[in-house]
PDB file of N, CA and C in Angstrom:
ATOM      1  N   UNK A   1       0.827  -1.201   0.000  1.00  0.00           N
ATOM      2  CA  UNK A   1       0.000   0.000   0.000  1.00  0.00           C
ATOM      3  C   UNK A   1       0.864   1.255   0.000  1.00  0.00           C
ATOM      4  N   UNK A   2       1.930   1.241   0.796  1.00  0.00           N
ATOM      5  CA  UNK A   2       2.819   2.402   0.850  1.00  0.00           C
ATOM      6  C   UNK A   2       3.489   2.648  -0.494  1.00  0.00           C
ATOM      7  N   UNK A   3       3.829   1.573  -1.190  1.00  0.00           N
ATOM      8  CA  UNK A   3       4.471   1.705  -2.486  1.00  0.00           C
ATOM      9  C   UNK A   3       3.528   2.374  -3.488  1.00  0.00           C
ATOM     10  N   UNK A   4       2.274   1.990  -3.467  1.00  0.00           N
ATOM     11  CA  UNK A   4       1.293   2.584  -4.370  1.00  0.00           C
ATOM     12  C   UNK A   4       1.154   4.084  -4.080  1.00  0.00           C
ATOM     13  N   UNK A   5       1.066   4.455  -2.834  1.00  0.00           N
ATOM     14  CA  UNK A   5       0.957   5.867  -2.465  1.00  0.00           C
ATOM     15  C   UNK A   5       2.216   6.635  -2.857  1.00  0.00           C
ATOM     16  N   UNK A   6       3.372   6.024  -2.711  1.00  0.00           N
ATOM     17  CA  UNK A   6       4.629   6.657  -3.089  1.00  0.00           C
ATOM     18  C   UNK A   6       4.685   6.889  -4.597  1.00  0.00           C
ATOM     19  N   UNK A   7       4.239   5.931  -5.377  1.00  0.00           N
ATOM     20  CA  UNK A   7       4.224   6.077  -6.832  1.00  0.00           C
ATOM     21  C   UNK A   7       3.254   7.181  -7.253  1.00  0.00           C
ATOM     22  N   UNK A   8       2.079   7.226  -6.644  1.00  0.00           N
ATOM     23  CA  UNK A   8       1.102   8.274  -6.960  1.00  0.00           C
ATOM     24  C   UNK A   8       1.645   9.643  -6.575  1.00  0.00           C
ATOM     25  N   UNK A   9       2.267   9.752  -5.432  1.00  0.00           N
ATOM     26  CA  UNK A   9       2.841  11.014  -4.992  1.00  0.00           C
ATOM     27  C   UNK A   9       3.954  11.468  -5.939  1.00  0.00           C
ATOM     28  N   UNK A  10       4.805  10.552  -6.346  1.00  0.00           N
ATOM     29  CA  UNK A  10       5.884  10.886  -7.281  1.00  0.00           C
ATOM     30  C   UNK A  10       5.313  11.346  -8.619  1.00  0.00           C
ATOM     31  N   UNK A  11       4.260  10.706  -9.085  1.00  0.00           N
ATOM     32  CA  UNK A  11       3.642  11.092 -10.344  1.00  0.00           C
ATOM     33  C   UNK A  11       3.028  12.485 -10.251  1.00  0.00           C
ATOM     34  N   UNK A  12       2.384  12.792  -9.143  1.00  0.00           N
ATOM     35  CA  UNK A  12       1.766  14.105  -8.973  1.00  0.00           C
ATOM     36  C   UNK A  12       2.806  15.205  -8.842  1.00  0.00           C
ATOM     37  N   UNK A  13       3.904  14.931  -8.174  1.00  0.00           N
ATOM     38  CA  UNK A  13       4.949  15.933  -8.019  1.00  0.00           C
ATOM     39  C   UNK A  13       5.696  16.171  -9.330  1.00  0.00           C
ATOM     40  N   UNK A  14       5.680  15.201 -10.217  1.00  0.00           N
ATOM     41  CA  UNK A  14       6.358  15.342 -11.496  1.00  0.00           C
ATOM     42  C   UNK A  14       5.538  16.082 -12.533  1.00  0.00           C
ATOM     43  N   UNK A  15       4.294  16.366 -12.228  1.00  0.00           N
ATOM     44  CA  UNK A  15       3.424  17.060 -13.180  1.00  0.00           C
ATOM     45  C   UNK A  15       3.551  18.567 -12.995  1.00  0.00           C
ATOM     46  N   UNK A  16       3.436  19.284 -14.094  1.00  0.00           N
ATOM     47  CA  UNK A  16       3.467  20.732 -14.050  1.00  0.00           C
ATOM     48  C   UNK A  16       2.113  21.257 -14.519  1.00  0.00           C
ATOM     49  N   UNK A  17       1.669  22.316 -13.929  1.00  0.00           N
ATOM     50  CA  UNK A  17       0.362  22.872 -14.258  1.00  0.00           C
ATOM     51  C   UNK A  17       0.558  24.241 -14.892  1.00  0.00           C
ATOM     52  N   UNK A  18      -0.063  24.434 -16.043  1.00  0.00           N
ATOM     53  CA  UNK A  18      -0.038  25.740 -16.693  1.00  0.00           C
ATOM     54  C   UNK A  18      -1.215  26.528 -16.160  1.00  0.00           C
ATOM     55  N   UNK A  19      -0.931  27.634 -15.494  1.00  0.00           N
ATOM     56  CA  UNK A  19      -1.988  28.355 -14.802  1.00  0.00           C
ATOM     57  C   UNK A  19      -2.721  29.384 -15.654  1.00  0.00           C
ATOM     58  N   UNK A  20      -2.387  29.493 -16.946  1.00  0.00           N
ATOM     59  CA  UNK A  20      -3.062  30.453 -17.806  1.00  0.00           C
ATOM     60  C   UNK A  20      -3.514  29.782 -19.102  1.00  0.00           C
ATOM     61  N   UNK A  21      -4.483  28.905 -19.035  1.00  0.00           N
ATOM     62  CA  UNK A  21      -4.931  28.237 -20.263  1.00  0.00           C
ATOM     63  C   UNK A  21      -5.560  29.212 -21.245  1.00  0.00           C
ATOM     64  N   UNK A  22      -5.460  28.889 -22.510  1.00  0.00           N
ATOM     65  CA  UNK A  22      -6.034  29.665 -23.601  1.00  0.00           C
ATOM     66  C   UNK A  22      -5.441  31.062 -23.740  1.00  0.00           C
ATOM     67  N   UNK A  23      -4.271  31.258 -23.172  1.00  0.00           N
ATOM     68  CA  UNK A  23      -3.595  32.545 -23.315  1.00  0.00           C
ATOM     69  C   UNK A  23      -2.897  32.567 -24.677  1.00  0.00           C
ATOM     70  N   UNK A  24      -3.143  33.585 -25.492  1.00  0.00           N
ATOM     71  CA  UNK A  24      -2.551  33.616 -26.832  1.00  0.00           C
ATOM     72  C   UNK A  24      -1.031  33.773 -26.784  1.00  0.00           C
ATOM     73  N   UNK A  25      -0.388  33.189 -27.764  1.00  0.00           N
ATOM     74  CA  UNK A  25       1.057  33.301 -27.898  1.00  0.00           C
ATOM     75  C   UNK A  25       1.363  34.647 -28.542  1.00  0.00           C
ATOM     76  N   UNK A  26       2.408  35.298 -28.094  1.00  0.00           N
ATOM     77  CA  UNK A  26       2.782  36.596 -28.648  1.00  0.00           C
ATOM     78  C   UNK A  26       3.196  36.503 -30.116  1.00  0.00           C
ATOM     79  N   UNK A  27       3.089  37.610 -30.823  1.00  0.00           N
ATOM     80  CA  UNK A  27       3.432  37.637 -32.248  1.00  0.00           C
ATOM     81  C   UNK A  27       4.907  37.362 -32.484  1.00  0.00           C
ATOM     82  N   UNK A  28       5.756  37.602 -31.505  1.00  0.00           N
ATOM     83  CA  UNK A  28       7.197  37.415 -31.666  1.00  0.00           C
ATOM     84  C   UNK A  28       7.632  35.969 -31.422  1.00  0.00           C
ATOM     85  N   UNK A  29       6.688  35.047 -31.218  1.00  0.00           N
ATOM     86  CA  UNK A  29       7.038  33.653 -30.956  1.00  0.00           C
ATOM     87  C   UNK A  29       7.837  33.086 -32.121  1.00  0.00           C
ATOM     88  N   UNK A  30       8.964  32.446 -31.788  1.00  0.00           N
ATOM     89  CA  UNK A  30       9.793  31.811 -32.800  1.00  0.00           C
ATOM     90  C   UNK A  30      10.555  30.671 -32.137  1.00  0.00           C
ATOM     91  N   UNK A  31      10.667  29.563 -32.842  1.00  0.00           N
ATOM     92  CA  UNK A  31      11.383  28.400 -32.313  1.00  0.00           C
ATOM     93  C   UNK A  31      12.189  27.766 -33.438  1.00  0.00           C
ATOM     94  N   UNK A  32      13.134  26.931 -33.074  1.00  0.00           N
ATOM     95  CA  UNK A  32      13.954  26.236 -34.059  1.00  0.00           C
ATOM     96  C   UNK A  32      13.695  24.742 -33.929  1.00  0.00           C
ATOM     97  N   UNK A  33      13.365  24.100 -35.046  1.00  0.00           N
ATOM     98  CA  UNK A  33      13.108  22.662 -35.070  1.00  0.00           C
ATOM     99  C   UNK A  33      14.434  21.903 -34.991  1.00  0.00           C
ATOM    100  N   UNK A  34      14.350  20.614 -34.759  1.00  0.00           N
ATOM    101  CA  UNK A  34      15.554  19.791 -34.656  1.00  0.00           C
ATOM    102  C   UNK A  34      16.367  19.786 -35.948  1.00  0.00           C
ATOM    103  N   UNK A  35      15.710  19.982 -37.089  1.00  0.00           N
ATOM    104  CA  UNK A  35      16.431  20.007 -38.361  1.00  0.00           C
ATOM    105  C   UNK A  35      16.961  21.399 -38.694  1.00  0.00           C
ATOM    106  N   UNK A  36      16.778  22.360 -37.790  1.00  0.00           N
ATOM    107  CA  UNK A  36      17.291  23.706 -37.980  1.00  0.00           C
ATOM    108  C   UNK A  36      16.298  24.678 -38.576  1.00  0.00           C
ATOM    109  N   UNK A  37      15.142  24.208 -39.002  1.00  0.00           N
ATOM    110  CA  UNK A  37      14.130  25.089 -39.592  1.00  0.00           C
ATOM    111  C   UNK A  37      13.550  26.014 -38.526  1.00  0.00           C
ATOM    112  N   UNK A  38      13.262  27.244 -38.915  1.00  0.00           N
ATOM    113  CA  UNK A  38      12.662  28.212 -38.006  1.00  0.00           C
ATOM    114  C   UNK A  38      11.146  28.088 -38.101  1.00  0.00           C
ATOM    115  N   UNK A  39      10.512  28.012 -36.952  1.00  0.00           N
ATOM    116  CA  UNK A  39       9.059  27.903 -36.872  1.00  0.00           C
ATOM    117  C   UNK A  39       8.560  29.151 -36.154  1.00  0.00           C
ATOM    118  N   UNK A  40       7.625  29.854 -36.771  1.00  0.00           N
ATOM    119  CA  UNK A  40       7.032  31.004 -36.103  1.00  0.00           C
ATOM    120  C   UNK A  40       5.513  30.860 -36.074  1.00  0.00           C
ATOM    121  N   UNK A  41       4.871  31.787 -35.430  1.00  0.00           N
ATOM    122  CA  UNK A  41       3.422  31.701 -35.235  1.00  0.00           C
ATOM    123  C   UNK A  41       2.666  31.726 -36.562  1.00  0.00           C
ATOM    124  N   UNK A  42       3.154  32.462 -37.546  1.00  0.00           N
ATOM    125  CA  UNK A  42       2.469  32.558 -38.833  1.00  0.00           C
ATOM    126  C   UNK A  42       2.419  31.217 -39.550  1.00  0.00           C
ATOM    127  N   UNK A  43       3.461  30.407 -39.405  1.00  0.00           N
ATOM    128  CA  UNK A  43       3.503  29.089 -40.055  1.00  0.00           C
ATOM    129  C   UNK A  43       2.450  28.165 -39.450  1.00  0.00           C
ATOM    130  N   UNK A  44       2.210  28.302 -38.164  1.00  0.00           N
ATOM    131  CA  UNK A  44       1.313  27.392 -37.450  1.00  0.00           C
ATOM    132  C   UNK A  44      -0.130  27.897 -37.380  1.00  0.00           C
ATOM    133  N   UNK A  45      -0.399  29.085 -37.867  1.00  0.00           N
ATOM    134  CA  UNK A  45      -1.738  29.685 -37.765  1.00  0.00           C
ATOM    135  C   UNK A  45      -2.788  28.804 -38.454  1.00  0.00           C
ATOM    136  N   UNK A  46      -3.899  28.586 -37.776  1.00  0.00           N
ATOM    137  CA  UNK A  46      -5.005  27.824 -38.333  1.00  0.00           C
ATOM    138  C   UNK A  46      -4.937  26.333 -38.079  1.00  0.00           C
ATOM    139  N   UNK A  47      -3.886  25.858 -37.450  1.00  0.00           N
ATOM    140  CA  UNK A  47      -3.760  24.431 -37.136  1.00  0.00           C
ATOM    141  C   UNK A  47      -3.494  24.271 -35.646  1.00  0.00           C
ATOM    142  N   UNK A  48      -4.028  23.234 -35.038  1.00  0.00           N
ATOM    143  CA  UNK A  48      -3.724  23.001 -33.623  1.00  0.00           C
ATOM    144  C   UNK A  48      -2.267  22.573 -33.469  1.00  0.00           C
ATOM    145  N   UNK A  49      -1.610  23.030 -32.403  1.00  0.00           N
ATOM    146  CA  UNK A  49      -0.217  22.659 -32.188  1.00  0.00           C
ATOM    147  C   UNK A  49       0.120  22.722 -30.709  1.00  0.00           C
ATOM    148  N   UNK A  50       1.153  22.031 -30.345  1.00  0.00           N
ATOM    149  CA  UNK A  50       1.656  22.026 -28.970  1.00  0.00           C
ATOM    150  C   UNK A  50       3.166  22.168 -29.031  1.00  0.00           C
ATOM    151  N   UNK A  51       3.730  22.830 -28.041  1.00  0.00           N
ATOM    152  CA  UNK A  51       5.174  23.019 -27.967  1.00  0.00           C
ATOM    153  C   UNK A  51       5.690  22.244 -26.768  1.00  0.00           C
ATOM    154  N   UNK A  52       6.655  21.399 -26.991  1.00  0.00           N
ATOM    155  CA  UNK A  52       7.283  20.650 -25.918  1.00  0.00           C
ATOM    156  C   UNK A  52       8.716  21.141 -25.814  1.00  0.00           C
ATOM    157  N   UNK A  53       9.065  21.755 -24.702  1.00  0.00           N
ATOM    158  CA  UNK A  53      10.382  22.354 -24.536  1.00  0.00           C
ATOM    159  C   UNK A  53      11.277  21.433 -23.727  1.00  0.00           C
ATOM    160  N   UNK A  54      12.444  21.151 -24.279  1.00  0.00           N
ATOM    161  CA  UNK A  54      13.439  20.321 -23.598  1.00  0.00           C
ATOM    162  C   UNK A  54      14.645  21.200 -23.280  1.00  0.00           C
ATOM    163  N   UNK A  55      15.083  21.164 -22.042  1.00  0.00           N
ATOM    164  CA  UNK A  55      16.249  21.925 -21.623  1.00  0.00           C
ATOM    165  C   UNK A  55      17.291  20.939 -21.118  1.00  0.00           C
ATOM    166  N   UNK A  56      18.507  20.999 -21.672  1.00  0.00           N
ATOM    167  CA  UNK A  56      19.544  20.086 -21.192  1.00  0.00           C
ATOM    168  C   UNK A  56      19.822  20.321 -19.714  1.00  0.00           C
ATOM    169  N   UNK A  57      20.020  19.247 -19.006  1.00  0.00           N
ATOM    170  CA  UNK A  57      20.203  19.368 -17.558  1.00  0.00           C
ATOM    171  C   UNK A  57      21.533  19.206 -17.094  1.00  0.00           C
TER     172      UNK A  57
END
């Protein structure tokens, strides 16, 4: 039982909550894809998208 609670607690602590849902992205948004291509808001307009940010640790 303790192991199950420990796993649930670890899972909850590992989650991050975005406190401003549906907040528009600024016009200056720009990112670089893994292949080096530049992605900006105009390219993604009209399609659903998600950004996953990885930071080396």
